[in-house]
């Protein structure tokens, strides 16, 4: 229910009826949820063999870095 209200509020902000800050918060909130999902996702969903990769070859690491960068960009320029 809260997600629906947040999405409706973001849609209202995008159409000019609401606060621009609310739209920015909703957009960044989507990336924050993605970040939480990436942080708490089981390793078995990424690597079926269970081999530990170095950090520079770790897909989860780079997905987290990109998500944090997107949050920063949208907070600053959004």
PDB file of N, CA and C in Angstrom:
ATOM      1  N   UNK A   1       0.818  -1.185   0.000  1.00  0.00           N
ATOM      2  CA  UNK A   1       0.000   0.000   0.000  1.00  0.00           C
ATOM      3  C   UNK A   1       0.866   1.255   0.000  1.00  0.00           C
ATOM      4  N   UNK A   2       1.941   1.250   0.782  1.00  0.00           N
ATOM      5  CA  UNK A   2       2.825   2.411   0.822  1.00  0.00           C
ATOM      6  C   UNK A   2       3.521   2.603  -0.524  1.00  0.00           C
ATOM      7  N   UNK A   3       3.855   1.499  -1.181  1.00  0.00           N
ATOM      8  CA  UNK A   3       4.510   1.596  -2.480  1.00  0.00           C
ATOM      9  C   UNK A   3       3.581   2.241  -3.490  1.00  0.00           C
ATOM     10  N   UNK A   4       2.315   1.848  -3.480  1.00  0.00           N
ATOM     11  CA  UNK A   4       1.341   2.434  -4.403  1.00  0.00           C
ATOM     12  C   UNK A   4       1.187   3.925  -4.144  1.00  0.00           C
ATOM     13  N   UNK A   5       1.104   4.311  -2.889  1.00  0.00           N
ATOM     14  CA  UNK A   5       0.973   5.725  -2.545  1.00  0.00           C
ATOM     15  C   UNK A   5       2.203   6.504  -2.989  1.00  0.00           C
ATOM     16  N   UNK A   6       3.376   5.905  -2.820  1.00  0.00           N
ATOM     17  CA  UNK A   6       4.612   6.565  -3.227  1.00  0.00           C
ATOM     18  C   UNK A   6       4.665   6.733  -4.738  1.00  0.00           C
ATOM     19  N   UNK A   7       4.250   5.710  -5.482  1.00  0.00           N
ATOM     20  CA  UNK A   7       4.249   5.803  -6.937  1.00  0.00           C
ATOM     21  C   UNK A   7       3.237   6.835  -7.427  1.00  0.00           C
ATOM     22  N   UNK A   8       2.068   6.868  -6.799  1.00  0.00           N
ATOM     23  CA  UNK A   8       1.071   7.873  -7.177  1.00  0.00           C
ATOM     24  C   UNK A   8       1.557   9.280  -6.867  1.00  0.00           C
ATOM     25  N   UNK A   9       2.233   9.441  -5.747  1.00  0.00           N
ATOM     26  CA  UNK A   9       2.780  10.746  -5.389  1.00  0.00           C
ATOM     27  C   UNK A   9       3.868  11.158  -6.383  1.00  0.00           C
ATOM     28  N   UNK A  10       4.682  10.193  -6.813  1.00  0.00           N
ATOM     29  CA  UNK A  10       5.727  10.492  -7.795  1.00  0.00           C
ATOM     30  C   UNK A  10       5.107  10.880  -9.131  1.00  0.00           C
ATOM     31  N   UNK A  11       4.036  10.209  -9.513  1.00  0.00           N
ATOM     32  CA  UNK A  11       3.355  10.545 -10.764  1.00  0.00           C
ATOM     33  C   UNK A  11       2.764  11.950 -10.680  1.00  0.00           C
ATOM     34  N   UNK A  12       2.225  12.304  -9.532  1.00  0.00           N
ATOM     35  CA  UNK A  12       1.689  13.651  -9.343  1.00  0.00           C
ATOM     36  C   UNK A  12       2.784  14.692  -9.393  1.00  0.00           C
ATOM     37  N   UNK A  13       3.943  14.365  -8.842  1.00  0.00           N
ATOM     38  CA  UNK A  13       5.061  15.305  -8.871  1.00  0.00           C
ATOM     39  C   UNK A  13       5.588  15.472 -10.284  1.00  0.00           C
ATOM     40  N   UNK A  14       5.579  14.402 -11.049  1.00  0.00           N
ATOM     41  CA  UNK A  14       6.067  14.486 -12.419  1.00  0.00           C
ATOM     42  C   UNK A  14       5.127  15.307 -13.300  1.00  0.00           C
ATOM     43  N   UNK A  15       3.840  15.304 -12.973  1.00  0.00           N
ATOM     44  CA  UNK A  15       2.888  16.049 -13.794  1.00  0.00           C
ATOM     45  C   UNK A  15       2.805  17.522 -13.380  1.00  0.00           C
ATOM     46  N   UNK A  16       3.513  17.915 -12.350  1.00  0.00           N
ATOM     47  CA  UNK A  16       3.529  19.306 -11.939  1.00  0.00           C
ATOM     48  C   UNK A  16       2.568  19.607 -10.800  1.00  0.00           C
ATOM     49  N   UNK A  17       1.823  18.633 -10.331  1.00  0.00           N
ATOM     50  CA  UNK A  17       0.868  18.860  -9.250  1.00  0.00           C
ATOM     51  C   UNK A  17       1.486  18.710  -7.864  1.00  0.00           C
ATOM     52  N   UNK A  18       2.647  18.103  -7.793  1.00  0.00           N
ATOM     53  CA  UNK A  18       3.258  17.852  -6.493  1.00  0.00           C
ATOM     54  C   UNK A  18       4.609  18.525  -6.380  1.00  0.00           C
ATOM     55  N   UNK A  19       5.304  18.190  -5.356  1.00  0.00           N
ATOM     56  CA  UNK A  19       6.617  18.748  -5.107  1.00  0.00           C
ATOM     57  C   UNK A  19       7.665  18.032  -5.956  1.00  0.00           C
ATOM     58  N   UNK A  20       8.602  18.777  -6.570  1.00  0.00           N
ATOM     59  CA  UNK A  20       9.677  18.119  -7.321  1.00  0.00           C
ATOM     60  C   UNK A  20      10.550  17.245  -6.427  1.00  0.00           C
ATOM     61  N   UNK A  21      10.651  17.629  -5.165  1.00  0.00           N
ATOM     62  CA  UNK A  21      11.437  16.846  -4.229  1.00  0.00           C
ATOM     63  C   UNK A  21      10.824  15.470  -4.012  1.00  0.00           C
ATOM     64  N   UNK A  22       9.509  15.391  -4.010  1.00  0.00           N
ATOM     65  CA  UNK A  22       8.835  14.111  -3.828  1.00  0.00           C
ATOM     66  C   UNK A  22       9.105  13.181  -5.012  1.00  0.00           C
ATOM     67  N   UNK A  23       9.107  13.725  -6.202  1.00  0.00           N
ATOM     68  CA  UNK A  23       9.420  12.922  -7.388  1.00  0.00           C
ATOM     69  C   UNK A  23      10.848  12.420  -7.361  1.00  0.00           C
ATOM     70  N   UNK A  24      11.759  13.289  -6.956  1.00  0.00           N
ATOM     71  CA  UNK A  24      13.163  12.895  -6.848  1.00  0.00           C
ATOM     72  C   UNK A  24      13.330  11.799  -5.796  1.00  0.00           C
ATOM     73  N   UNK A  25      12.640  11.954  -4.676  1.00  0.00           N
ATOM     74  CA  UNK A  25      12.728  10.959  -3.605  1.00  0.00           C
ATOM     75  C   UNK A  25      12.180   9.612  -4.065  1.00  0.00           C
ATOM     76  N   UNK A  26      11.102   9.634  -4.823  1.00  0.00           N
ATOM     77  CA  UNK A  26      10.530   8.374  -5.316  1.00  0.00           C
ATOM     78  C   UNK A  26      11.478   7.712  -6.298  1.00  0.00           C
ATOM     79  N   UNK A  27      12.088   8.495  -7.168  1.00  0.00           N
ATOM     80  CA  UNK A  27      13.005   7.940  -8.162  1.00  0.00           C
ATOM     81  C   UNK A  27      14.249   7.366  -7.495  1.00  0.00           C
ATOM     82  N   UNK A  28      14.793   8.088  -6.526  1.00  0.00           N
ATOM     83  CA  UNK A  28      15.961   7.594  -5.794  1.00  0.00           C
ATOM     84  C   UNK A  28      15.568   6.396  -4.937  1.00  0.00           C
ATOM     85  N   UNK A  29      14.332   6.381  -4.444  1.00  0.00           N
ATOM     86  CA  UNK A  29      13.861   5.254  -3.648  1.00  0.00           C
ATOM     87  C   UNK A  29      13.871   3.948  -4.413  1.00  0.00           C
ATOM     88  N   UNK A  30      13.590   4.010  -5.704  1.00  0.00           N
ATOM     89  CA  UNK A  30      13.643   2.792  -6.528  1.00  0.00           C
ATOM     90  C   UNK A  30      15.067   2.248  -6.545  1.00  0.00           C
ATOM     91  N   UNK A  31      16.039   3.123  -6.712  1.00  0.00           N
ATOM     92  CA  UNK A  31      17.430   2.677  -6.712  1.00  0.00           C
ATOM     93  C   UNK A  31      17.874   2.222  -5.321  1.00  0.00           C
ATOM     94  N   UNK A  32      17.336   2.825  -4.280  1.00  0.00           N
ATOM     95  CA  UNK A  32      17.654   2.386  -2.920  1.00  0.00           C
ATOM     96  C   UNK A  32      17.124   0.972  -2.683  1.00  0.00           C
ATOM     97  N   UNK A  33      15.928   0.688  -3.183  1.00  0.00           N
ATOM     98  CA  UNK A  33      15.400  -0.676  -3.072  1.00  0.00           C
ATOM     99  C   UNK A  33      16.252  -1.656  -3.861  1.00  0.00           C
ATOM    100  N   UNK A  34      16.700  -1.252  -5.049  1.00  0.00           N
ATOM    101  CA  UNK A  34      17.586  -2.099  -5.833  1.00  0.00           C
ATOM    102  C   UNK A  34      18.887  -2.358  -5.083  1.00  0.00           C
ATOM    103  N   UNK A  35      19.418  -1.331  -4.439  1.00  0.00           N
ATOM    104  CA  UNK A  35      20.651  -1.488  -3.668  1.00  0.00           C
ATOM    105  C   UNK A  35      20.456  -2.480  -2.533  1.00  0.00           C
ATOM    106  N   UNK A  36      19.346  -2.375  -1.814  1.00  0.00           N
ATOM    107  CA  UNK A  36      19.078  -3.329  -0.734  1.00  0.00           C
ATOM    108  C   UNK A  36      18.957  -4.747  -1.272  1.00  0.00           C
ATOM    109  N   UNK A  37      18.285  -4.891  -2.412  1.00  0.00           N
ATOM    110  CA  UNK A  37      18.138  -6.217  -3.007  1.00  0.00           C
ATOM    111  C   UNK A  37      19.501  -6.783  -3.392  1.00  0.00           C
ATOM    112  N   UNK A  38      20.368  -5.951  -3.967  1.00  0.00           N
ATOM    113  CA  UNK A  38      21.698  -6.419  -4.348  1.00  0.00           C
ATOM    114  C   UNK A  38      22.537  -6.790  -3.131  1.00  0.00           C
ATOM    115  N   UNK A  39      22.388  -6.039  -2.057  1.00  0.00           N
ATOM    116  CA  UNK A  39      23.175  -6.321  -0.851  1.00  0.00           C
ATOM    117  C   UNK A  39      22.744  -7.607  -0.156  1.00  0.00           C
ATOM    118  N   UNK A  40      21.448  -7.891  -0.176  1.00  0.00           N
ATOM    119  CA  UNK A  40      20.935  -9.033   0.582  1.00  0.00           C
ATOM    120  C   UNK A  40      20.568 -10.241  -0.282  1.00  0.00           C
ATOM    121  N   UNK A  41      20.839 -10.174  -1.581  1.00  0.00           N
ATOM    122  CA  UNK A  41      20.545 -11.291  -2.468  1.00  0.00           C
ATOM    123  C   UNK A  41      21.481 -12.459  -2.150  1.00  0.00           C
ATOM    124  N   UNK A  42      20.951 -13.677  -2.085  1.00  0.00           N
ATOM    125  CA  UNK A  42      21.814 -14.829  -1.812  1.00  0.00           C
ATOM    126  C   UNK A  42      22.856 -15.031  -2.914  1.00  0.00           C
ATOM    127  N   UNK A  43      24.048 -15.424  -2.526  1.00  0.00           N
ATOM    128  CA  UNK A  43      25.128 -15.628  -3.489  1.00  0.00           C
ATOM    129  C   UNK A  43      24.808 -16.741  -4.475  1.00  0.00           C
ATOM    130  N   UNK A  44      23.988 -17.683  -4.072  1.00  0.00           N
ATOM    131  CA  UNK A  44      23.642 -18.801  -4.957  1.00  0.00           C
ATOM    132  C   UNK A  44      22.884 -18.326  -6.198  1.00  0.00           C
ATOM    133  N   UNK A  45      22.235 -17.169  -6.131  1.00  0.00           N
ATOM    134  CA  UNK A  45      21.527 -16.650  -7.294  1.00  0.00           C
ATOM    135  C   UNK A  45      22.480 -16.049  -8.323  1.00  0.00           C
ATOM    136  N   UNK A  46      23.680 -15.694  -7.905  1.00  0.00           N
ATOM    137  CA  UNK A  46      24.642 -15.072  -8.812  1.00  0.00           C
ATOM    138  C   UNK A  46      25.587 -16.115  -9.386  1.00  0.00           C
ATOM    139  N   UNK A  47      26.158 -16.917  -8.527  1.00  0.00           N
ATOM    140  CA  UNK A  47      27.162 -17.884  -8.951  1.00  0.00           C
ATOM    141  C   UNK A  47      26.708 -19.278  -8.539  1.00  0.00           C
ATOM    142  N   UNK A  48      26.290 -20.061  -9.508  1.00  0.00           N
ATOM    143  CA  UNK A  48      25.773 -21.393  -9.204  1.00  0.00           C
ATOM    144  C   UNK A  48      26.869 -22.366  -8.775  1.00  0.00           C
ATOM    145  N   UNK A  49      28.102 -22.101  -9.183  1.00  0.00           N
ATOM    146  CA  UNK A  49      29.206 -22.990  -8.827  1.00  0.00           C
ATOM    147  C   UNK A  49      29.768 -22.693  -7.438  1.00  0.00           C
ATOM    148  N   UNK A  50      29.521 -21.529  -6.908  1.00  0.00           N
ATOM    149  CA  UNK A  50      29.979 -21.175  -5.573  1.00  0.00           C
ATOM    150  C   UNK A  50      31.431 -20.732  -5.513  1.00  0.00           C
ATOM    151  N   UNK A  51      32.049 -20.463  -6.649  1.00  0.00           N
ATOM    152  CA  UNK A  51      33.449 -20.028  -6.657  1.00  0.00           C
ATOM    153  C   UNK A  51      33.545 -18.561  -6.261  1.00  0.00           C
ATOM    154  N   UNK A  52      34.505 -18.236  -5.406  1.00  0.00           N
ATOM    155  CA  UNK A  52      34.722 -16.845  -5.006  1.00  0.00           C
ATOM    156  C   UNK A  52      35.568 -16.160  -6.062  1.00  0.00           C
ATOM    157  N   UNK A  53      35.071 -15.051  -6.566  1.00  0.00           N
ATOM    158  CA  UNK A  53      35.791 -14.275  -7.576  1.00  0.00           C
ATOM    159  C   UNK A  53      36.509 -13.110  -6.904  1.00  0.00           C
ATOM    160  N   UNK A  54      37.609 -12.640  -7.502  1.00  0.00           N
ATOM    161  CA  UNK A  54      38.204 -11.401  -6.993  1.00  0.00           C
ATOM    162  C   UNK A  54      37.221 -10.246  -7.179  1.00  0.00           C
ATOM    163  N   UNK A  55      37.372  -9.187  -6.412  1.00  0.00           N
ATOM    164  CA  UNK A  55      36.381  -8.106  -6.420  1.00  0.00           C
ATOM    165  C   UNK A  55      36.207  -7.480  -7.796  1.00  0.00           C
ATOM    166  N   UNK A  56      37.258  -7.402  -8.595  1.00  0.00           N
ATOM    167  CA  UNK A  56      37.152  -6.757  -9.894  1.00  0.00           C
ATOM    168  C   UNK A  56      36.405  -7.621 -10.930  1.00  0.00           C
ATOM    169  N   UNK A  57      36.165  -8.899 -10.614  1.00  0.00           N
ATOM    170  CA  UNK A  57      35.388  -9.770 -11.500  1.00  0.00           C
ATOM    171  C   UNK A  57      34.035 -10.134 -10.889  1.00  0.00           C
ATOM    172  N   UNK A  58      33.709  -9.524  -9.774  1.00  0.00           N
ATOM    173  CA  UNK A  58      32.476  -9.823  -9.059  1.00  0.00           C
ATOM    174  C   UNK A  58      31.338  -8.962  -9.614  1.00  0.00           C
ATOM    175  N   UNK A  59      30.335  -9.622 -10.184  1.00  0.00           N
ATOM    176  CA  UNK A  59      29.208  -8.917 -10.796  1.00  0.00           C
ATOM    177  C   UNK A  59      28.422  -8.135  -9.748  1.00  0.00           C
ATOM    178  N   UNK A  60      28.229  -8.714  -8.584  1.00  0.00           N
ATOM    179  CA  UNK A  60      27.479  -8.027  -7.531  1.00  0.00           C
ATOM    180  C   UNK A  60      28.175  -6.742  -7.111  1.00  0.00           C
ATOM    181  N   UNK A  61      29.479  -6.787  -6.958  1.00  0.00           N
ATOM    182  CA  UNK A  61      30.241  -5.601  -6.573  1.00  0.00           C
ATOM    183  C   UNK A  61      30.007  -4.458  -7.557  1.00  0.00           C
ATOM    184  N   UNK A  62      30.117  -4.737  -8.861  1.00  0.00           N
ATOM    185  CA  UNK A  62      29.959  -3.691  -9.864  1.00  0.00           C
ATOM    186  C   UNK A  62      28.520  -3.210  -9.961  1.00  0.00           C
ATOM    187  N   UNK A  63      27.565  -4.093  -9.748  1.00  0.00           N
ATOM    188  CA  UNK A  63      26.159  -3.663  -9.749  1.00  0.00           C
ATOM    189  C   UNK A  63      25.899  -2.710  -8.586  1.00  0.00           C
ATOM    190  N   UNK A  64      26.489  -2.985  -7.436  1.00  0.00           N
ATOM    191  CA  UNK A  64      26.340  -2.107  -6.274  1.00  0.00           C
ATOM    192  C   UNK A  64      27.011  -0.759  -6.528  1.00  0.00           C
ATOM    193  N   UNK A  65      28.199  -0.769  -7.129  1.00  0.00           N
ATOM    194  CA  UNK A  65      28.905   0.479  -7.436  1.00  0.00           C
ATOM    195  C   UNK A  65      28.089   1.334  -8.399  1.00  0.00           C
ATOM    196  N   UNK A  66      27.542   0.717  -9.446  1.00  0.00           N
ATOM    197  CA  UNK A  66      26.749   1.463 -10.424  1.00  0.00           C
ATOM    198  C   UNK A  66      25.480   2.012  -9.783  1.00  0.00           C
ATOM    199  N   UNK A  67      24.843   1.230  -8.930  1.00  0.00           N
ATOM    200  CA  UNK A  67      23.618   1.683  -8.263  1.00  0.00           C
ATOM    201  C   UNK A  67      23.904   2.864  -7.341  1.00  0.00           C
ATOM    202  N   UNK A  68      24.993   2.802  -6.605  1.00  0.00           N
ATOM    203  CA  UNK A  68      25.371   3.924  -5.733  1.00  0.00           C
ATOM    204  C   UNK A  68      25.681   5.163  -6.575  1.00  0.00           C
ATOM    205  N   UNK A  69      26.352   4.973  -7.706  1.00  0.00           N
ATOM    206  CA  UNK A  69      26.635   6.103  -8.596  1.00  0.00           C
ATOM    207  C   UNK A  69      25.342   6.712  -9.132  1.00  0.00           C
ATOM    208  N   UNK A  70      24.378   5.880  -9.498  1.00  0.00           N
ATOM    209  CA  UNK A  70      23.104   6.398  -9.994  1.00  0.00           C
ATOM    210  C   UNK A  70      22.353   7.161  -8.908  1.00  0.00           C
ATOM    211  N   UNK A  71      22.382   6.659  -7.692  1.00  0.00           N
ATOM    212  CA  UNK A  71      21.736   7.370  -6.588  1.00  0.00           C
ATOM    213  C   UNK A  71      22.399   8.740  -6.405  1.00  0.00           C
ATOM    214  N   UNK A  72      23.720   8.777  -6.452  1.00  0.00           N
ATOM    215  CA  UNK A  72      24.430  10.041  -6.313  1.00  0.00           C
ATOM    216  C   UNK A  72      24.106  11.022  -7.424  1.00  0.00           C
ATOM    217  N   UNK A  73      24.062  10.531  -8.655  1.00  0.00           N
ATOM    218  CA  UNK A  73      23.748  11.392  -9.796  1.00  0.00           C
ATOM    219  C   UNK A  73      22.344  11.959  -9.669  1.00  0.00           C
ATOM    220  N   UNK A  74      21.366  11.120  -9.344  1.00  0.00           N
ATOM    221  CA  UNK A  74      19.990  11.604  -9.267  1.00  0.00           C
ATOM    222  C   UNK A  74      19.764  12.494  -8.055  1.00  0.00           C
ATOM    223  N   UNK A  75      20.510  12.276  -6.978  1.00  0.00           N
ATOM    224  CA  UNK A  75      20.384  13.179  -5.824  1.00  0.00           C
ATOM    225  C   UNK A  75      20.968  14.558  -6.152  1.00  0.00           C
ATOM    226  N   UNK A  76      22.068  14.577  -6.890  1.00  0.00           N
ATOM    227  CA  UNK A  76      22.731  15.853  -7.182  1.00  0.00           C
ATOM    228  C   UNK A  76      22.089  16.597  -8.352  1.00  0.00           C
ATOM    229  N   UNK A  77      21.881  15.896  -9.472  1.00  0.00           N
ATOM    230  CA  UNK A  77      21.386  16.559 -10.677  1.00  0.00           C
ATOM    231  C   UNK A  77      19.910  16.316 -10.968  1.00  0.00           C
ATOM    232  N   UNK A  78      19.245  15.465 -10.184  1.00  0.00           N
ATOM    233  CA  UNK A  78      17.876  15.061 -10.497  1.00  0.00           C
ATOM    234  C   UNK A  78      16.842  16.063 -10.313  1.00  0.00           C
TER     235      UNK A  78
END
